[in-house]
Structure formats: structure tokens, C-alpha cells
């Protein structure tokens, strides 16, 4: 039996899948599917609300973080963080630099030990049961890399020998549009090709959990579309996906839920609709107007959010939209854009600013 040791843990080539599952059962983890079925066809369109999505029926979440605290000397990098990711769910972890996202991810992958609180992946302790967690978890980390002379095909074929039942390397090269650069040395790959190769490595072991740190960094629009499609397919096949990102439009496209961190704490979490707040009409206008007059006509509060943006505290209806457009026309202005909810970027900035105020006070 050969063991390969690395910074990412120990992969046992003699591992028996049934034996590993019995070990999981021994700690109270059970699933209807022993592995994610990568031969199953994903549900139509991969929509988050699909009732037919293929998921593992489990007794616990794929990822459970409870009251996690991680300190470095006197600094609390992570302070009382709780979050979860279910099988068949995509959760995006958002926050500015220094928010604690990377420390949280490193802890749930077993690279750091909690100061207090608990972390469970597949129901297992990622420090105590590190090799078991690694076998079932695919990770794309920004600190990762490949030995410069190696090609995507070579690194996939080498890494596949670490797993009991890896995915076909040719399939992954085709899936991630790496066919044309499969024999190109790592140092000559573009940033997007390197990122897609790292994602292929994360998928190689048929993971039940994917942890993706900025998966679309340096990736061109076509590559982003490929990665989005893969994330949707993995979710629909029952994989739990945790994504950390600074790209709010990517989070808005992919996530079932979002968790926003700042200063080591969770400041908000929920679906896009839940984070967007109460319904309102947000109108960008071509020239300044008096919000008081519009408020009188709508019989509702209207506030200025900058000189050319009006926020009307009403739900959208054809009648109210007509009142807004008629008023603007009479005032010599016009509608540039009209929305019924705050964008994720707007809410994100508000929530982060509010949490900064709490820390400063």
C-alpha cells in the first residue's frame, strides 16, 4: 500500500470506498448515495429551485461551522462565525480583504485548528479526520500551483493515481476546455488556463464538497461560462459548493445563498431576495428633481441616493411606474434605469459599511 504525503494531507491508494463509508457511519454520518453520481444527467437548466435536483439525503449538512473562533496572538481573524452548506447547494462567502474568509476556509479544510467552536465537513472533524475529509473534498485555493514543467494532462494523470475511483482525465480536459493546451507546460499557460486546470484537479476525486477560492480569477468570459456550467452541474448532482469571491456579479449568478463577512464576523446571510431588503422602486434619472413632489404623488417616502437616484418606498406596479414617468417628464427629466430591488453590490456595500461603523463605535 502506497501513501503519498503532501501539504494537503495523505491520500491512501489502498483505500476501500466501502470501508471509508463504514468509518463515516461510525461517526453518525449516513447518506443515501455513497458518492456523487457523475454519470447522472443534470436536471434541466440547473435552476436553484428545481424540484428534481439529484441530492444526497443526509442526516447533517455537508459543511457545519458553529461559533468558530480562530486567533493569531491577540488578533481574532475569525470571531464567532457560524454557517452551513447543504448537499446540492451553492453558498458564496463574500467580504473585503481581511474579513476572515481565507482563515475560515483553511480551518474547514483542516489546515488550521479552531481556537474555539467547531467545524465539520461530511460530519467529520477536518483536523482529526483529515485524510477522510481530503478524499471527499475538492479544493481550488489561490495559494495552489503546479510544478512548472508539468502539463495539465500530466498533473491530472499523476493526481488521479491518488484516488480509488477518479474521474477520467480526458473527460475533465474536455469538460474544462483544456484540450488544446493539455500538453503545454504550466509556466506557459494563461492565467485562465491555469485556473481551469486547478478546477479540474478539484473535480478529479469525485468530491462531495467543493471549496472554490475565487474560481473565476483571471478567466476570460468564455472560461467563466464553462466554470459556471460546471458549478451548476456539480450542485445538481448533489455536491455542496462553497465559493469565496470578490466578484459580486458571479455570486449573484451562481449562489443559492450568500454569507457576508467583515472583521472576522458574519454580518448577514440569506438568499438574494432576503438580502435585498424590502421591495422599492429605485429610479436613476437623467437630471436632478425634487423628491418631495414625487413623494406627494406616490403618497410614500422618496429619498435621494445621490443627485440622480431616487428610492421610492413602494412596491412596483404599472400605475406607480406611470406616476414616476409622468412626473419626471413634466420636470424635464427622464428614466435612465428603473429597478424594484437594491442590487447585491448596493446591499453588500451598505452591510459592510454598517459593520465598520459598529467596530469603530
Protein backbone atom coordinates (compact mmCIF):
# COMPACT_ATOMS: atom_id res chain seq x y z
CA UNK A 1 0.00 0.00 0.00
CA UNK A 2 1.45 3.33 -1.08
CA UNK A 3 0.83 6.59 0.74
CA UNK A 4 1.54 9.97 -0.84
CA UNK A 5 2.08 12.77 1.66
CA UNK A 6 1.73 16.45 0.86
CA UNK A 7 0.69 19.69 2.49
CA UNK A 8 -2.88 18.78 1.60
CA UNK A 9 -2.92 15.59 3.64
CA UNK A 10 -2.46 11.88 2.96
CA UNK A 11 -4.15 10.08 0.07
CA UNK A 12 -4.21 6.31 0.58
CA UNK A 13 -4.08 4.41 -2.72
CA UNK A 14 -5.28 1.28 -0.98
CA UNK A 15 -8.39 2.99 0.36
CA UNK A 16 -11.57 0.98 0.01
CA UNK A 17 -14.66 3.12 -0.62
CA UNK A 18 -16.94 0.81 1.35
CA UNK A 19 -14.52 0.83 4.30
CA UNK A 20 -14.40 4.62 4.21
CA UNK A 21 -18.18 4.76 4.21
CA UNK A 22 -18.32 2.43 7.22
CA UNK A 23 -15.97 4.82 9.03
CA UNK A 24 -18.35 7.65 8.26
CA UNK A 25 -21.30 5.63 9.50
CA UNK A 26 -19.36 5.09 12.72
CA UNK A 27 -19.37 8.80 13.48
CA UNK A 28 -23.05 9.20 12.75
CA UNK A 29 -22.88 10.23 9.09
CA UNK A 30 -25.07 8.42 6.60
CA UNK A 31 -26.11 9.12 3.04
CA UNK A 32 -28.38 7.52 0.51
CA UNK A 33 -25.69 7.90 -2.19
CA UNK A 34 -22.18 6.79 -1.23
CA UNK A 35 -20.67 9.14 -3.83
CA UNK A 36 -21.88 11.93 -6.10
CA UNK A 37 -23.15 10.31 -9.31
CA UNK A 38 -21.09 11.93 -12.07
CA UNK A 39 -22.72 9.75 -14.72
CA UNK A 40 -26.21 11.05 -13.97
CA UNK A 41 -27.60 13.76 -16.22
CA UNK A 42 -28.15 17.10 -14.52
CA UNK A 43 -31.65 18.46 -14.26
CA UNK A 44 -32.91 20.87 -16.90
CA UNK A 45 -31.24 24.30 -16.78
CA UNK A 46 -29.77 23.54 -13.36
CA UNK A 47 -32.11 26.03 -11.69
CA UNK A 48 -31.76 26.58 -7.97
CA UNK A 49 -35.45 25.85 -7.46
CA UNK A 50 -35.60 22.56 -9.37
CA UNK A 51 -37.69 20.01 -7.51
CA UNK A 52 -35.96 17.17 -9.37
CA UNK A 53 -32.40 18.04 -8.38
CA UNK A 54 -30.39 14.94 -7.52
CA UNK A 55 -29.02 15.29 -3.99
CA UNK A 56 -27.74 13.04 -1.25
CA UNK A 57 -30.20 12.61 1.58
CA UNK A 58 -28.07 13.11 4.66
CA UNK A 59 -28.53 13.46 8.36
CA UNK A 60 -26.36 16.57 8.54
CA UNK A 61 -25.13 19.41 6.34
CA UNK A 62 -22.09 18.90 4.16
CA UNK A 63 -20.37 21.79 5.97
CA UNK A 64 -21.21 22.93 9.50
CA UNK A 65 -19.31 25.77 11.16
CA UNK A 66 -20.51 26.61 14.68
CA UNK A 67 -19.30 29.54 16.81
CA UNK A 68 -15.87 29.29 15.17
CA UNK A 69 -13.10 31.43 16.60
CA UNK A 70 -9.53 31.47 15.25
CA UNK A 71 -6.96 33.78 16.82
CA UNK A 72 -3.39 34.77 15.99
CA UNK A 73 -1.83 36.18 19.16
CA UNK A 74 -4.23 38.98 20.13
CA UNK A 75 -5.97 39.14 16.73
CA UNK A 76 -9.28 37.33 16.23
CA UNK A 77 -9.17 36.56 12.50
CA UNK A 78 -12.45 34.67 12.82
CA UNK A 79 -14.79 35.57 15.67
CA UNK A 80 -17.93 33.55 16.46
CA UNK A 81 -18.69 32.52 12.85
CA UNK A 82 -21.50 30.07 12.14
CA UNK A 83 -22.52 28.93 8.65
CA UNK A 84 -23.62 25.79 6.85
CA UNK A 85 -23.75 24.38 3.33
CA UNK A 86 -26.19 21.60 2.44
CA UNK A 87 -25.60 18.93 -0.17
CA UNK A 88 -26.89 20.20 -3.52
CA UNK A 89 -26.42 23.86 -2.52
CA UNK A 90 -24.08 26.67 -3.63
CA UNK A 91 -23.12 29.20 -0.95
CA UNK A 92 -20.96 32.25 -1.73
CA UNK A 93 -18.79 33.67 1.05
CA UNK A 94 -18.29 37.39 0.47
CA UNK A 95 -16.31 40.07 2.24
CA UNK A 96 -13.49 42.60 1.87
CA UNK A 97 -9.82 41.69 2.24
CA UNK A 98 -9.10 40.77 5.84
CA UNK A 99 -12.70 39.77 6.54
CA UNK A 100 -11.69 36.26 7.67
CA UNK A 101 -12.81 34.30 4.60
CA UNK A 102 -9.47 32.61 3.91
CA UNK A 103 -8.93 31.66 7.56
CA UNK A 104 -12.43 30.16 7.66
CA UNK A 105 -11.74 28.10 4.53
CA UNK A 106 -8.32 26.95 5.77
CA UNK A 107 -9.91 25.83 9.03
CA UNK A 108 -12.71 23.85 7.42
CA UNK A 109 -10.12 22.12 5.19
CA UNK A 110 -8.07 21.15 8.25
CA UNK A 111 -5.06 23.41 7.63
CA UNK A 112 -5.75 25.33 10.87
CA UNK A 113 -7.21 24.28 14.19
CA UNK A 114 -10.06 26.26 15.76
CA UNK A 115 -9.24 28.27 18.86
CA UNK A 116 -12.82 27.53 19.92
CA UNK A 117 -16.05 26.41 18.31
CA UNK A 118 -16.34 23.53 15.86
CA UNK A 119 -16.06 22.72 12.17
CA UNK A 120 -17.48 19.62 10.50
CA UNK A 121 -17.16 18.54 6.86
CA UNK A 122 -19.21 15.45 5.93
CA UNK A 123 -19.84 15.20 9.67
CA UNK A 124 -16.09 14.79 10.30
CA UNK A 125 -13.51 16.87 12.14
CA UNK A 126 -11.20 18.14 9.36
CA UNK A 127 -8.13 18.07 11.66
CA UNK A 128 -8.70 14.73 13.37
CA UNK A 129 -10.11 13.02 10.24
CA UNK A 130 -8.05 14.96 7.71
CA UNK A 131 -7.39 12.13 5.25
CA UNK A 132 -11.08 11.17 5.15
CA UNK A 133 -12.11 14.79 4.53
CA UNK A 134 -9.50 15.23 1.77
CA UNK A 135 -10.76 12.17 -0.11
CA UNK A 136 -14.28 13.61 -0.28
CA UNK A 137 -13.46 17.30 -0.72
CA UNK A 138 -12.18 19.12 -3.80
CA UNK A 139 -10.44 22.44 -3.21
CA UNK A 140 -9.28 25.23 -5.52
CA UNK A 141 -7.11 27.59 -3.48
CA UNK A 142 -5.31 30.72 -4.64
CA UNK A 143 -2.11 29.59 -2.95
CA UNK A 144 -2.10 26.37 -5.01
CA UNK A 145 0.04 25.71 -8.06
CA UNK A 146 1.66 23.08 -10.24
CA UNK A 147 5.33 22.27 -10.82
CA UNK A 148 6.32 24.47 -13.78
CA UNK A 149 7.44 21.76 -16.26
CA UNK A 150 4.23 19.74 -15.88
CA UNK A 151 1.34 19.93 -18.32
CA UNK A 152 -2.39 19.80 -17.45
CA UNK A 153 -2.58 16.22 -18.73
CA UNK A 154 0.46 15.11 -16.73
CA UNK A 155 -0.65 16.66 -13.44
CA UNK A 156 -4.17 15.22 -13.81
CA UNK A 157 -2.85 11.74 -14.63
CA UNK A 158 -0.42 11.84 -11.69
CA UNK A 159 -3.01 13.12 -9.22
CA UNK A 160 -5.59 10.57 -10.41
CA UNK A 161 -3.38 7.79 -9.00
CA UNK A 162 -4.03 9.15 -5.50
CA UNK A 163 -7.76 8.29 -5.70
CA UNK A 164 -9.63 4.99 -5.56
CA UNK A 165 -12.07 5.84 -8.39
CA UNK A 166 -11.02 9.11 -10.10
CA UNK A 167 -12.85 10.77 -12.93
CA UNK A 168 -11.46 10.22 -16.42
CA UNK A 169 -8.71 12.76 -17.13
CA UNK A 170 -9.67 13.05 -20.79
CA UNK A 171 -13.24 13.84 -19.78
CA UNK A 172 -12.08 16.62 -17.45
CA UNK A 173 -9.76 18.11 -20.07
CA UNK A 174 -12.68 18.27 -22.49
CA UNK A 175 -15.14 19.48 -19.85
CA UNK A 176 -12.90 22.41 -18.90
CA UNK A 177 -11.92 23.22 -22.49
CA UNK A 178 -8.27 22.32 -21.87
CA UNK A 179 -7.78 20.05 -24.88
CA UNK A 180 -5.70 22.50 -26.90
CA UNK A 181 -3.31 23.21 -24.01
CA UNK A 182 -3.26 19.72 -22.47
CA UNK A 183 0.43 19.26 -23.39
CA UNK A 184 1.53 22.83 -22.63
CA UNK A 185 3.89 23.31 -19.62
CA UNK A 186 2.30 25.07 -16.65
CA UNK A 187 4.57 28.12 -16.94
CA UNK A 188 3.30 28.78 -20.48
CA UNK A 189 -0.40 28.54 -19.66
CA UNK A 190 -2.52 31.67 -19.41
CA UNK A 191 -3.96 32.62 -16.02
CA UNK A 192 -7.37 31.34 -17.10
CA UNK A 193 -5.95 28.00 -18.30
CA UNK A 194 -4.11 27.55 -15.01
CA UNK A 195 -7.30 28.30 -13.07
CA UNK A 196 -9.30 25.77 -15.11
CA UNK A 197 -6.58 23.15 -14.58
CA UNK A 198 -6.79 23.70 -10.81
CA UNK A 199 -10.58 23.28 -11.02
CA UNK A 200 -10.08 20.02 -12.94
CA UNK A 201 -7.82 18.83 -10.10
CA UNK A 202 -10.52 19.75 -7.57
CA UNK A 203 -13.06 17.66 -9.51
CA UNK A 204 -10.78 14.68 -10.08
CA UNK A 205 -11.64 12.71 -6.94
CA UNK A 206 -15.44 12.91 -7.42
CA UNK A 207 -15.82 15.19 -4.36
CA UNK A 208 -18.97 15.53 -2.32
CA UNK A 209 -17.87 19.02 -1.26
CA UNK A 210 -16.18 21.66 -3.43
CA UNK A 211 -14.40 24.63 -1.86
CA UNK A 212 -13.52 27.18 -4.54
CA UNK A 213 -11.48 30.27 -3.70
CA UNK A 214 -12.02 32.92 -6.40
CA UNK A 215 -12.65 30.32 -9.14
CA UNK A 216 -13.08 32.86 -11.97
CA UNK A 217 -9.98 34.95 -11.24
CA UNK A 218 -8.02 35.67 -14.49
CA UNK A 219 -10.58 33.71 -16.51
CA UNK A 220 -11.94 35.13 -19.77
CA UNK A 221 -15.71 35.40 -20.44
CA UNK A 222 -15.85 32.07 -22.30
CA UNK A 223 -13.97 30.34 -19.47
CA UNK A 224 -16.30 31.90 -16.89
CA UNK A 225 -19.27 30.42 -18.71
CA UNK A 226 -17.61 26.97 -18.61
CA UNK A 227 -16.94 27.28 -14.86
CA UNK A 228 -20.50 28.46 -14.13
CA UNK A 229 -21.88 25.47 -16.01
CA UNK A 230 -19.66 23.05 -14.09
CA UNK A 231 -20.65 24.54 -10.72
CA UNK A 232 -24.34 24.21 -11.65
CA UNK A 233 -23.84 20.58 -12.72
CA UNK A 234 -21.97 19.67 -9.56
CA UNK A 235 -24.71 21.23 -7.43
CA UNK A 236 -27.41 19.36 -9.35
CA UNK A 237 -25.57 16.07 -8.83
CA UNK A 238 -25.62 16.57 -5.08
CA UNK A 239 -22.29 18.27 -4.40
CA UNK A 240 -22.10 21.02 -1.78
CA UNK A 241 -20.22 24.06 -3.14
CA UNK A 242 -18.68 26.86 -1.06
CA UNK A 243 -17.28 29.74 -3.13
CA UNK A 244 -15.29 32.67 -1.82
CA UNK A 245 -15.23 35.61 -4.21
CA UNK A 246 -14.89 39.36 -4.56
CA UNK A 247 -16.87 39.27 -7.81
CA UNK A 248 -20.41 40.12 -6.78
CA UNK A 249 -21.91 39.52 -10.22
CA UNK A 250 -20.55 35.95 -10.15
CA UNK A 251 -22.05 35.40 -6.69
CA UNK A 252 -25.36 36.81 -7.92
CA UNK A 253 -25.37 34.42 -10.88
CA UNK A 254 -24.43 31.22 -9.04
CA UNK A 255 -25.30 31.24 -5.36
CA UNK A 256 -28.38 29.79 -3.68
CA UNK A 257 -27.38 31.67 -0.52
CA UNK A 258 -24.80 34.28 0.39
CA UNK A 259 -22.83 34.86 3.59
CA UNK A 260 -21.16 38.26 4.07
CA UNK A 261 -18.22 38.56 6.48
CA UNK A 262 -16.34 41.57 7.82
CA UNK A 263 -13.82 41.92 10.65
CA UNK A 264 -13.97 38.17 11.27
CA UNK A 265 -17.73 38.07 11.81
CA UNK A 266 -20.78 37.18 9.73
CA UNK A 267 -22.70 40.41 9.18
CA UNK A 268 -25.51 39.00 7.00
CA UNK A 269 -26.65 35.84 5.31
CA UNK A 270 -29.53 34.62 3.19
CA UNK A 271 -30.85 34.39 -0.34
CA UNK A 272 -30.54 37.27 -2.78
CA UNK A 273 -34.15 38.27 -2.13
CA UNK A 274 -33.64 38.17 1.63
CA UNK A 275 -30.52 40.33 1.45
CA UNK A 276 -32.13 42.79 -0.96
CA UNK A 277 -34.46 44.02 1.78
CA UNK A 278 -37.95 45.44 1.35
CA UNK A 279 -39.33 45.99 -2.16
CA UNK A 280 -38.85 49.50 -3.50
CA UNK A 281 -38.62 51.43 -6.74
CA UNK A 282 -35.06 52.58 -7.46
CA UNK A 283 -35.00 55.12 -10.27
CA UNK A 284 -31.89 56.57 -11.90
CA UNK A 285 -32.85 59.86 -13.59
CA UNK A 286 -31.22 61.97 -16.28
CA UNK A 287 -31.29 65.24 -14.30
CA UNK A 288 -31.99 66.25 -10.66
CA UNK A 289 -35.63 66.52 -9.50
CA UNK A 290 -37.45 67.34 -6.26
CA UNK A 291 -38.14 64.10 -4.33
CA UNK A 292 -40.76 65.79 -2.13
CA UNK A 293 -43.15 66.34 -5.03
CA UNK A 294 -42.78 62.75 -6.22
CA UNK A 295 -43.37 61.55 -2.65
CA UNK A 296 -46.61 63.54 -2.56
CA UNK A 297 -47.82 61.99 -5.82
CA UNK A 298 -46.90 58.45 -4.75
CA UNK A 299 -48.12 59.01 -1.17
CA UNK A 300 -44.94 57.28 0.03
CA UNK A 301 -41.44 58.29 1.20
CA UNK A 302 -38.97 59.15 -1.57
CA UNK A 303 -35.31 59.76 -0.74
CA UNK A 304 -32.26 60.79 -2.73
CA UNK A 305 -29.42 58.28 -3.01
CA UNK A 306 -27.02 60.63 -4.76
CA UNK A 307 -28.09 63.50 -7.03
CA UNK A 308 -29.51 61.27 -9.78
CA UNK A 309 -31.03 58.32 -7.91
CA UNK A 310 -34.45 58.20 -6.25
CA UNK A 311 -35.51 55.47 -3.82
CA UNK A 312 -39.28 55.18 -3.57
CA UNK A 313 -40.59 53.09 -0.65
CA UNK A 314 -43.36 51.38 -2.63
CA UNK A 315 -43.82 48.09 -4.40
CA UNK A 316 -43.75 48.19 -8.17
CA UNK A 317 -46.98 48.42 -10.17
CA UNK A 318 -47.87 49.77 -13.63
CA UNK A 319 -49.79 52.64 -12.02
CA UNK A 320 -46.87 53.73 -9.84
CA UNK A 321 -44.37 53.45 -12.68
CA UNK A 322 -46.71 55.67 -14.74
CA UNK A 323 -46.80 58.24 -11.92
CA UNK A 324 -42.97 58.29 -11.80
CA UNK A 325 -42.50 58.63 -15.55
CA UNK A 326 -45.23 61.33 -15.86
CA UNK A 327 -43.67 63.35 -13.03
CA UNK A 328 -40.15 63.09 -14.48
CA UNK A 329 -41.37 64.08 -17.93
CA UNK A 330 -43.11 67.16 -16.53
CA UNK A 331 -39.98 68.06 -14.55
CA UNK A 332 -37.79 67.91 -17.65
CA UNK A 333 -36.04 64.70 -16.60
CA UNK A 334 -36.32 61.07 -17.65
CA UNK A 335 -35.79 57.48 -16.53
CA UNK A 336 -32.32 56.10 -17.17
CA UNK A 337 -32.89 52.82 -15.28
CA UNK A 338 -35.64 51.51 -13.01
CA UNK A 339 -35.30 48.59 -10.60
CA UNK A 340 -37.53 47.05 -7.97
CA UNK A 341 -34.76 45.85 -5.63
CA UNK A 342 -31.38 47.02 -4.47
CA UNK A 343 -28.53 45.33 -6.34
CA UNK A 344 -26.28 42.91 -4.48
CA UNK A 345 -23.45 45.43 -4.77
CA UNK A 346 -25.53 48.15 -3.11
CA UNK A 347 -26.63 45.91 -0.24
CA UNK A 348 -23.13 44.50 0.18
CA UNK A 349 -21.62 47.97 0.48
CA UNK A 350 -24.33 49.05 2.93
CA UNK A 351 -23.88 45.97 5.14
CA UNK A 352 -20.09 46.24 5.17
CA UNK A 353 -20.28 49.98 5.94
CA UNK A 354 -22.74 49.33 8.80
CA UNK A 355 -20.44 46.70 10.28
CA UNK A 356 -17.48 49.08 10.01
CA UNK A 357 -19.49 51.67 11.96
CA UNK A 358 -20.16 49.12 14.72
CA UNK A 359 -16.45 48.29 15.00
CA UNK A 360 -15.44 51.96 15.04
CA UNK A 361 -18.02 52.96 17.65
